[in-house]
Amino acid sequence: MRQSVPLLVCGLLGLVGATGWLAAAQDAGETAAVAVPAQPVHAAQATGQTCLSPGDLREAVAEKRVVEPVAAIRAARAAVPRADIVRANLCRRDEVLVYMLTALRKDGQFVHVMVDARSGQVSGQW
């Protein structure tokens, strides 16, 4: 269990990096033959929030402006027991930084969890 949290964080950061690469390739007019699996609309996209890049996330954590992503993941796991966290982003919402996490419950339903990035406490779920 302890070993899976760092692996999940690394995987999430890799996913964010791959997503950024794909967007950059599309902006440059390059064609990318990448099969992207169908995914639900992320909560941050649905509410028009802007999310930070992986570099900005690392900078915010290093400057101690936000808790580490693993703390947000732990809070989300406590809020949605027996679910897998499949996505995590650090986003701005009303000039406040929040972690937006998507959890996949065992029944196949997605649950979105918002964690205050300064305190590490769950501030909402839907």
N, C-alpha and C. Protein backbone atom coordinates (compact mmCIF):
# COMPACT_ATOMS: atom_id res chain seq x y z
N MET A 1 0.83 -1.19 0.00
CA MET A 1 0.00 0.00 0.00
C MET A 1 0.87 1.25 0.00
N ARG A 2 1.88 1.28 0.87
CA ARG A 2 2.75 2.46 0.93
C ARG A 2 3.52 2.64 -0.36
N GLN A 3 3.88 1.53 -0.99
CA GLN A 3 4.64 1.61 -2.22
C GLN A 3 3.78 2.05 -3.39
N SER A 4 2.48 1.81 -3.32
CA SER A 4 1.63 2.16 -4.45
C SER A 4 1.38 3.66 -4.54
N VAL A 5 1.45 4.40 -3.43
CA VAL A 5 1.19 5.84 -3.46
C VAL A 5 2.26 6.57 -4.28
N PRO A 6 3.57 6.35 -4.04
CA PRO A 6 4.56 7.03 -4.88
C PRO A 6 4.46 6.63 -6.35
N LEU A 7 4.14 5.36 -6.60
CA LEU A 7 3.98 4.93 -7.98
C LEU A 7 2.80 5.63 -8.64
N LEU A 8 1.71 5.81 -7.90
CA LEU A 8 0.55 6.50 -8.42
C LEU A 8 0.88 7.94 -8.74
N VAL A 9 1.61 8.60 -7.84
CA VAL A 9 1.99 10.00 -8.05
C VAL A 9 2.86 10.10 -9.30
N CYS A 10 3.84 9.21 -9.43
CA CYS A 10 4.71 9.23 -10.62
C CYS A 10 3.89 8.98 -11.88
N GLY A 11 2.96 8.06 -11.80
CA GLY A 11 2.11 7.78 -12.95
C GLY A 11 1.24 8.96 -13.33
N LEU A 12 0.70 9.65 -12.32
CA LEU A 12 -0.13 10.83 -12.59
C LEU A 12 0.70 11.94 -13.23
N LEU A 13 1.91 12.15 -12.71
CA LEU A 13 2.77 13.18 -13.29
C LEU A 13 3.15 12.82 -14.72
N GLY A 14 3.38 11.54 -14.99
CA GLY A 14 3.67 11.09 -16.34
C GLY A 14 2.49 11.30 -17.27
N LEU A 15 1.29 11.04 -16.76
CA LEU A 15 0.08 11.23 -17.56
C LEU A 15 -0.09 12.70 -17.90
N VAL A 16 0.14 13.56 -16.91
CA VAL A 16 0.02 15.00 -17.14
C VAL A 16 1.05 15.44 -18.18
N GLY A 17 2.27 14.92 -18.10
CA GLY A 17 3.31 15.26 -19.07
C GLY A 17 2.95 14.79 -20.47
N ALA A 18 2.40 13.57 -20.57
CA ALA A 18 2.01 13.04 -21.87
C ALA A 18 0.87 13.84 -22.47
N THR A 19 -0.05 14.28 -21.63
CA THR A 19 -1.16 15.10 -22.10
C THR A 19 -0.64 16.43 -22.64
N GLY A 20 0.32 17.02 -21.94
CA GLY A 20 0.92 18.28 -22.39
C GLY A 20 1.64 18.10 -23.71
N TRP A 21 2.34 16.97 -23.89
CA TRP A 21 3.03 16.70 -25.14
C TRP A 21 2.04 16.59 -26.28
N LEU A 22 0.95 15.88 -26.05
CA LEU A 22 -0.05 15.70 -27.11
C LEU A 22 -0.64 17.05 -27.51
N ALA A 23 -0.95 17.89 -26.53
CA ALA A 23 -1.51 19.21 -26.83
C ALA A 23 -0.51 20.06 -27.61
N ALA A 24 0.77 19.99 -27.22
CA ALA A 24 1.79 20.76 -27.92
C ALA A 24 1.94 20.26 -29.36
N ALA A 25 1.88 18.96 -29.57
CA ALA A 25 1.99 18.40 -30.91
C ALA A 25 0.82 18.85 -31.77
N GLN A 26 -0.37 18.90 -31.19
CA GLN A 26 -1.54 19.32 -31.94
C GLN A 26 -1.48 20.81 -32.25
N ASP A 27 -0.98 21.63 -31.32
CA ASP A 27 -0.83 23.06 -31.54
C ASP A 27 0.18 23.33 -32.66
N ALA A 28 1.20 22.51 -32.75
CA ALA A 28 2.23 22.69 -33.77
C ALA A 28 1.78 22.18 -35.13
N GLY A 29 0.60 21.61 -35.21
CA GLY A 29 0.07 21.12 -36.47
C GLY A 29 0.56 19.74 -36.82
N GLU A 30 1.24 19.09 -35.90
CA GLU A 30 1.73 17.75 -36.15
C GLU A 30 0.59 16.77 -35.97
N THR A 31 0.65 15.69 -36.71
CA THR A 31 -0.34 14.65 -36.53
C THR A 31 0.25 13.58 -35.64
N ALA A 32 -0.48 13.21 -34.65
CA ALA A 32 -0.01 12.19 -33.71
C ALA A 32 -0.93 10.99 -33.82
N ALA A 33 -0.34 9.85 -34.10
CA ALA A 33 -1.11 8.62 -34.19
C ALA A 33 -1.14 7.97 -32.82
N VAL A 34 -1.89 8.58 -31.91
CA VAL A 34 -1.98 8.09 -30.55
C VAL A 34 -3.43 7.76 -30.26
N ALA A 35 -3.68 6.55 -29.80
CA ALA A 35 -5.04 6.16 -29.43
C ALA A 35 -5.29 6.64 -28.01
N VAL A 36 -6.23 7.56 -27.85
CA VAL A 36 -6.56 8.09 -26.54
C VAL A 36 -7.85 7.42 -26.09
N PRO A 37 -7.80 6.72 -24.94
CA PRO A 37 -9.01 6.04 -24.48
C PRO A 37 -10.08 7.05 -24.08
N ALA A 38 -11.33 6.65 -24.24
CA ALA A 38 -12.43 7.51 -23.83
C ALA A 38 -12.39 7.69 -22.32
N GLN A 39 -12.42 8.94 -21.89
CA GLN A 39 -12.36 9.25 -20.47
C GLN A 39 -13.48 10.22 -20.14
N PRO A 40 -13.95 10.21 -18.90
CA PRO A 40 -14.97 11.17 -18.53
C PRO A 40 -14.39 12.57 -18.51
N VAL A 41 -15.23 13.56 -18.68
CA VAL A 41 -14.77 14.95 -18.60
C VAL A 41 -14.32 15.20 -17.17
N HIS A 42 -13.13 15.70 -17.03
CA HIS A 42 -12.58 15.96 -15.71
C HIS A 42 -13.32 17.13 -15.07
N ALA A 43 -13.49 17.09 -13.77
CA ALA A 43 -14.25 18.11 -13.05
C ALA A 43 -13.69 19.50 -13.29
N ALA A 44 -12.37 19.65 -13.37
CA ALA A 44 -11.77 20.97 -13.59
C ALA A 44 -12.16 21.52 -14.95
N GLN A 45 -12.24 20.65 -15.96
CA GLN A 45 -12.63 21.09 -17.29
C GLN A 45 -14.10 21.49 -17.30
N ALA A 46 -14.93 20.76 -16.60
CA ALA A 46 -16.36 21.02 -16.60
C ALA A 46 -16.70 22.34 -15.94
N THR A 47 -15.90 22.79 -14.97
CA THR A 47 -16.21 24.03 -14.26
C THR A 47 -15.39 25.20 -14.74
N GLY A 48 -14.60 25.02 -15.80
CA GLY A 48 -13.85 26.12 -16.38
C GLY A 48 -12.65 26.56 -15.55
N GLN A 49 -12.10 25.70 -14.77
CA GLN A 49 -10.95 26.05 -13.94
C GLN A 49 -9.68 25.89 -14.74
N THR A 50 -8.64 26.61 -14.34
CA THR A 50 -7.35 26.46 -15.01
C THR A 50 -6.44 25.65 -14.11
N CYS A 51 -5.81 24.66 -14.70
CA CYS A 51 -4.92 23.79 -13.93
C CYS A 51 -3.47 24.13 -14.21
N LEU A 52 -2.63 23.92 -13.22
CA LEU A 52 -1.21 24.24 -13.34
C LEU A 52 -0.47 23.15 -14.08
N SER A 53 0.62 23.52 -14.69
CA SER A 53 1.48 22.56 -15.38
C SER A 53 2.25 21.75 -14.35
N PRO A 54 2.83 20.61 -14.74
CA PRO A 54 3.62 19.83 -13.79
C PRO A 54 4.78 20.63 -13.19
N GLY A 55 5.39 21.50 -13.98
CA GLY A 55 6.48 22.33 -13.46
C GLY A 55 6.00 23.31 -12.41
N ASP A 56 4.83 23.93 -12.66
CA ASP A 56 4.26 24.85 -11.68
C ASP A 56 3.85 24.11 -10.40
N LEU A 57 3.37 22.88 -10.55
CA LEU A 57 3.02 22.06 -9.39
C LEU A 57 4.25 21.80 -8.54
N ARG A 58 5.35 21.39 -9.20
CA ARG A 58 6.59 21.12 -8.45
C ARG A 58 7.09 22.37 -7.75
N GLU A 59 6.99 23.51 -8.42
CA GLU A 59 7.42 24.77 -7.83
C GLU A 59 6.58 25.13 -6.61
N ALA A 60 5.26 24.98 -6.71
CA ALA A 60 4.37 25.30 -5.59
C ALA A 60 4.66 24.40 -4.39
N VAL A 61 4.93 23.12 -4.64
CA VAL A 61 5.24 22.18 -3.56
C VAL A 61 6.59 22.54 -2.94
N ALA A 62 7.58 22.84 -3.78
CA ALA A 62 8.91 23.18 -3.28
C ALA A 62 8.89 24.45 -2.43
N GLU A 63 8.06 25.41 -2.81
CA GLU A 63 7.94 26.66 -2.05
C GLU A 63 7.02 26.53 -0.85
N LYS A 64 6.48 25.34 -0.65
CA LYS A 64 5.58 25.03 0.47
C LYS A 64 4.29 25.87 0.44
N ARG A 65 3.85 26.24 -0.77
CA ARG A 65 2.58 26.95 -0.91
C ARG A 65 1.41 25.99 -0.86
N VAL A 66 1.67 24.71 -1.18
CA VAL A 66 0.63 23.68 -1.19
C VAL A 66 1.19 22.41 -0.56
N VAL A 67 0.27 21.55 -0.12
CA VAL A 67 0.70 20.25 0.39
C VAL A 67 1.12 19.39 -0.79
N GLU A 68 1.87 18.35 -0.51
CA GLU A 68 2.31 17.45 -1.57
C GLU A 68 1.12 16.68 -2.14
N PRO A 69 1.21 16.29 -3.41
CA PRO A 69 0.09 15.56 -4.03
C PRO A 69 -0.29 14.29 -3.28
N VAL A 70 0.67 13.62 -2.67
CA VAL A 70 0.36 12.39 -1.94
C VAL A 70 -0.59 12.67 -0.77
N ALA A 71 -0.49 13.84 -0.15
CA ALA A 71 -1.41 14.20 0.94
C ALA A 71 -2.83 14.38 0.41
N ALA A 72 -2.96 14.98 -0.78
CA ALA A 72 -4.28 15.15 -1.39
C ALA A 72 -4.86 13.79 -1.76
N ILE A 73 -4.02 12.90 -2.25
CA ILE A 73 -4.48 11.56 -2.62
C ILE A 73 -4.97 10.81 -1.38
N ARG A 74 -4.23 10.93 -0.29
CA ARG A 74 -4.66 10.27 0.96
C ARG A 74 -6.00 10.82 1.43
N ALA A 75 -6.18 12.14 1.35
CA ALA A 75 -7.45 12.75 1.77
C ALA A 75 -8.59 12.26 0.89
N ALA A 76 -8.36 12.17 -0.41
CA ALA A 76 -9.40 11.69 -1.32
C ALA A 76 -9.74 10.23 -1.06
N ARG A 77 -8.72 9.43 -0.77
CA ARG A 77 -8.97 8.02 -0.45
C ARG A 77 -9.79 7.87 0.82
N ALA A 78 -9.55 8.75 1.78
CA ALA A 78 -10.35 8.70 3.01
C ALA A 78 -11.79 9.11 2.74
N ALA A 79 -11.98 10.05 1.82
CA ALA A 79 -13.33 10.52 1.50
C ALA A 79 -14.11 9.51 0.66
N VAL A 80 -13.40 8.77 -0.18
CA VAL A 80 -14.03 7.76 -1.04
C VAL A 80 -13.32 6.44 -0.80
N PRO A 81 -13.72 5.73 0.25
CA PRO A 81 -13.03 4.47 0.58
C PRO A 81 -13.20 3.42 -0.52
N ARG A 82 -12.21 2.56 -0.62
CA ARG A 82 -12.21 1.44 -1.58
C ARG A 82 -12.38 1.91 -3.03
N ALA A 83 -11.77 3.07 -3.35
CA ALA A 83 -11.79 3.58 -4.72
C ALA A 83 -10.36 3.82 -5.17
N ASP A 84 -10.15 3.79 -6.45
CA ASP A 84 -8.83 4.06 -7.02
C ASP A 84 -8.80 5.50 -7.53
N ILE A 85 -7.77 6.23 -7.17
CA ILE A 85 -7.60 7.58 -7.68
C ILE A 85 -6.99 7.46 -9.07
N VAL A 86 -7.70 7.95 -10.08
CA VAL A 86 -7.25 7.77 -11.46
C VAL A 86 -6.71 9.06 -12.08
N ARG A 87 -6.95 10.20 -11.46
CA ARG A 87 -6.46 11.46 -12.00
C ARG A 87 -6.36 12.48 -10.87
N ALA A 88 -5.32 13.31 -10.95
CA ALA A 88 -5.15 14.38 -9.97
C ALA A 88 -4.51 15.57 -10.66
N ASN A 89 -5.06 16.76 -10.42
CA ASN A 89 -4.52 18.00 -10.96
C ASN A 89 -4.54 19.07 -9.88
N LEU A 90 -3.61 19.99 -9.97
CA LEU A 90 -3.61 21.17 -9.12
C LEU A 90 -4.17 22.31 -9.95
N CYS A 91 -5.28 22.89 -9.50
CA CYS A 91 -6.00 23.89 -10.30
C CYS A 91 -6.28 25.14 -9.47
N ARG A 92 -6.53 26.24 -10.18
CA ARG A 92 -6.98 27.48 -9.53
C ARG A 92 -8.50 27.52 -9.59
N ARG A 93 -9.09 27.83 -8.48
CA ARG A 93 -10.54 27.98 -8.40
C ARG A 93 -10.81 29.19 -7.54
N ASP A 94 -11.35 30.24 -8.13
CA ASP A 94 -11.60 31.50 -7.42
C ASP A 94 -10.34 31.99 -6.72
N GLU A 95 -9.22 31.99 -7.45
CA GLU A 95 -7.93 32.47 -6.95
C GLU A 95 -7.37 31.63 -5.79
N VAL A 96 -7.92 30.44 -5.58
CA VAL A 96 -7.43 29.52 -4.54
C VAL A 96 -6.96 28.26 -5.24
N LEU A 97 -5.86 27.70 -4.77
CA LEU A 97 -5.36 26.45 -5.35
C LEU A 97 -6.04 25.26 -4.69
N VAL A 98 -6.53 24.35 -5.53
CA VAL A 98 -7.17 23.13 -5.06
C VAL A 98 -6.68 21.96 -5.89
N TYR A 99 -6.62 20.80 -5.27
CA TYR A 99 -6.37 19.57 -6.01
C TYR A 99 -7.72 19.03 -6.46
N MET A 100 -7.83 18.72 -7.74
CA MET A 100 -9.03 18.10 -8.28
C MET A 100 -8.66 16.65 -8.59
N LEU A 101 -9.31 15.73 -7.90
CA LEU A 101 -9.00 14.31 -8.07
C LEU A 101 -10.23 13.57 -8.57
N THR A 102 -10.00 12.57 -9.39
CA THR A 102 -11.07 11.72 -9.87
C THR A 102 -10.82 10.32 -9.32
N ALA A 103 -11.83 9.77 -8.66
CA ALA A 103 -11.73 8.43 -8.08
C ALA A 103 -12.69 7.51 -8.82
N LEU A 104 -12.26 6.29 -9.03
CA LEU A 104 -13.11 5.27 -9.65
C LEU A 104 -13.50 4.28 -8.57
N ARG A 105 -14.82 4.28 -8.26
CA ARG A 105 -15.31 3.35 -7.25
C ARG A 105 -15.38 1.94 -7.82
N LYS A 106 -15.49 0.97 -6.94
CA LYS A 106 -15.54 -0.44 -7.35
C LYS A 106 -16.78 -0.76 -8.18
N ASP A 107 -17.85 0.05 -8.05
CA ASP A 107 -19.05 -0.18 -8.84
C ASP A 107 -18.97 0.47 -10.22
N GLY A 108 -17.80 1.06 -10.55
CA GLY A 108 -17.59 1.65 -11.87
C GLY A 108 -17.95 3.11 -11.98
N GLN A 109 -18.41 3.71 -10.91
CA GLN A 109 -18.80 5.12 -10.93
C GLN A 109 -17.61 6.02 -10.62
N PHE A 110 -17.52 7.16 -11.32
CA PHE A 110 -16.48 8.14 -11.04
C PHE A 110 -16.99 9.13 -10.00
N VAL A 111 -16.12 9.49 -9.07
CA VAL A 111 -16.43 10.50 -8.06
C VAL A 111 -15.33 11.54 -8.13
N HIS A 112 -15.69 12.81 -8.15
CA HIS A 112 -14.72 13.89 -8.18
C HIS A 112 -14.57 14.44 -6.76
N VAL A 113 -13.33 14.62 -6.35
CA VAL A 113 -13.03 15.10 -5.00
C VAL A 113 -12.17 16.35 -5.12
N MET A 114 -12.54 17.39 -4.40
CA MET A 114 -11.75 18.61 -4.36
C MET A 114 -11.09 18.71 -2.99
N VAL A 115 -9.77 18.93 -3.00
CA VAL A 115 -8.99 19.02 -1.77
C VAL A 115 -8.32 20.39 -1.73
N ASP A 116 -8.49 21.11 -0.62
CA ASP A 116 -7.82 22.39 -0.46
C ASP A 116 -6.31 22.16 -0.47
N ALA A 117 -5.60 22.84 -1.36
CA ALA A 117 -4.18 22.59 -1.54
C ALA A 117 -3.32 23.13 -0.40
N ARG A 118 -3.82 24.07 0.36
CA ARG A 118 -3.04 24.60 1.49
C ARG A 118 -3.16 23.72 2.72
N SER A 119 -4.37 23.25 2.99
CA SER A 119 -4.58 22.48 4.23
C SER A 119 -4.56 20.98 4.00
N GLY A 120 -4.85 20.52 2.80
CA GLY A 120 -4.91 19.09 2.53
C GLY A 120 -6.25 18.47 2.95
N GLN A 121 -7.23 19.30 3.26
CA GLN A 121 -8.55 18.82 3.69
C GLN A 121 -9.52 18.77 2.50
N VAL A 122 -10.39 17.77 2.50
CA VAL A 122 -11.40 17.65 1.45
C VAL A 122 -12.37 18.82 1.59
N SER A 123 -12.57 19.53 0.46
CA SER A 123 -13.49 20.67 0.51
C SER A 123 -14.75 20.44 -0.33
N GLY A 124 -14.83 19.31 -1.00
CA GLY A 124 -16.04 19.00 -1.75
C GLY A 124 -15.90 17.69 -2.49
N GLN A 125 -17.05 17.13 -2.84
CA GLN A 125 -17.07 15.90 -3.62
C GLN A 125 -18.41 15.81 -4.34
N TRP A 126 -18.37 15.29 -5.57
CA TRP A 126 -19.58 15.11 -6.35
C TRP A 126 -19.40 14.01 -7.34
